[in-house]
Amino acid sequence: MAGPGPVKLAFDSLSPAGKSQRKNPEKHRAYNRKRNKMTIAYRNELNKERLKRNLGPAGKSGKVLGHTKSGGLQLTSRRKNSDVSKSNYHG
């Protein structure tokens, strides 16, 4: 039989954000639900556009779709999208 879950940290050892979440859990759950729904809508929009442009499933071709500052969609190279050229891990 499973136990009640992981042991909670003492309230005093939490960060300010952790204390806020512990005091108002429903407020934070509501925020996360709203945020997750927006993420799904964002991905759905990109997936529909990929189908419209016959680009295939995400992650399989060389180009990626992204939003412009004005809200439109454009193809971008995978390298520019991930800023690999500015990364410290790739020499």
Protein backbone atom coordinates (compact mmCIF):
# COMPACT_ATOMS: atom_id res chain seq x y z
CA MET A 1 0.00 0.00 0.00
CA ALA A 2 1.39 3.39 -0.99
CA GLY A 3 2.13 6.02 1.62
CA PRO A 4 0.78 9.56 1.73
CA GLY A 5 3.49 10.88 -0.61
CA PRO A 6 6.82 12.64 -0.20
CA VAL A 7 7.68 14.40 3.03
CA LYS A 8 7.07 18.14 2.83
CA LEU A 9 9.91 20.50 3.66
CA ALA A 10 9.60 22.72 6.70
CA PHE A 11 7.81 25.97 5.83
CA ASP A 12 10.80 28.07 6.99
CA SER A 13 13.15 26.32 4.56
CA LEU A 14 11.02 27.15 1.49
CA SER A 15 11.79 29.96 -0.95
CA PRO A 16 9.40 32.95 -1.07
CA ALA A 17 7.68 31.40 -4.10
CA GLY A 18 7.36 28.07 -2.30
CA LYS A 19 5.83 29.75 0.74
CA SER A 20 3.31 31.53 -1.48
CA GLN A 21 2.36 28.27 -3.17
CA ARG A 22 2.01 26.48 0.17
CA LYS A 23 -0.26 29.25 1.51
CA ASN A 24 -2.44 29.50 -1.64
CA PRO A 25 -2.30 26.16 -3.47
CA GLU A 26 -5.60 26.61 -5.33
CA LYS A 27 -4.52 29.98 -6.73
CA HIS A 28 -1.36 28.41 -8.16
CA ARG A 29 -3.18 25.36 -9.51
CA ALA A 30 -5.64 27.64 -11.33
CA TYR A 31 -2.74 29.62 -12.83
CA ASN A 32 -1.03 26.44 -14.02
CA ARG A 33 -4.25 25.09 -15.56
CA LYS A 34 -4.74 28.34 -17.49
CA ARG A 35 -1.09 28.42 -18.60
CA ASN A 36 -1.15 24.79 -19.77
CA LYS A 37 -4.26 25.41 -21.87
CA MET A 38 -2.50 28.33 -23.59
CA THR A 39 0.50 26.11 -24.34
CA ILE A 40 -1.73 23.51 -25.96
CA ALA A 41 -3.42 26.17 -28.13
CA TYR A 42 0.01 27.53 -29.14
CA ARG A 43 1.25 24.07 -30.20
CA ASN A 44 -2.03 23.32 -32.04
CA GLU A 45 -1.66 26.50 -34.08
CA LEU A 46 1.88 25.55 -35.12
CA ASN A 47 0.88 21.96 -35.92
CA LYS A 48 -2.03 23.11 -38.14
CA GLU A 49 0.30 25.43 -40.04
CA ARG A 50 2.85 22.62 -40.49
CA LEU A 51 0.12 20.47 -42.04
CA LYS A 52 -1.02 23.33 -44.28
CA ARG A 53 2.55 23.86 -45.57
CA ASN A 54 3.20 20.10 -45.94
CA LEU A 55 6.20 20.23 -43.61
CA GLY A 56 5.49 16.89 -41.95
CA PRO A 57 5.52 16.25 -38.20
CA ALA A 58 7.41 18.65 -35.94
CA GLY A 59 11.06 17.77 -35.38
CA LYS A 60 11.46 15.75 -38.57
CA SER A 61 12.46 18.35 -41.18
CA GLY A 62 15.26 20.90 -41.30
CA LYS A 63 13.12 23.99 -40.73
CA VAL A 64 10.99 24.93 -37.73
CA LEU A 65 7.95 27.20 -37.50
CA GLY A 66 8.03 30.11 -35.12
CA HIS A 67 6.15 33.29 -34.35
CA THR A 68 7.36 36.69 -35.50
CA LYS A 69 7.11 39.78 -33.29
CA SER A 70 4.02 40.87 -35.22
CA GLY A 71 2.30 37.53 -34.51
CA GLY A 72 2.74 35.88 -37.91
CA LEU A 73 4.39 32.53 -38.58
CA GLN A 74 7.62 31.99 -40.43
CA LEU A 75 10.08 29.20 -41.14
CA THR A 76 13.37 29.45 -39.29
CA SER A 77 16.44 27.26 -39.43
CA ARG A 78 16.77 24.88 -36.52
CA ARG A 79 20.17 26.36 -35.71
CA LYS A 80 18.87 29.95 -35.44
CA ASN A 81 15.84 28.80 -33.45
CA SER A 82 17.96 27.17 -30.75
CA ASP A 83 20.72 29.82 -30.75
CA VAL A 84 23.33 27.06 -30.89
CA SER A 85 25.76 29.56 -32.39
CA LYS A 86 25.65 31.61 -29.15
CA SER A 87 25.85 28.60 -26.85
CA ASN A 88 28.94 27.93 -24.73
CA TYR A 89 28.58 24.17 -25.28
CA HIS A 90 29.22 24.18 -29.03
CA GLY A 91 32.64 25.40 -30.08
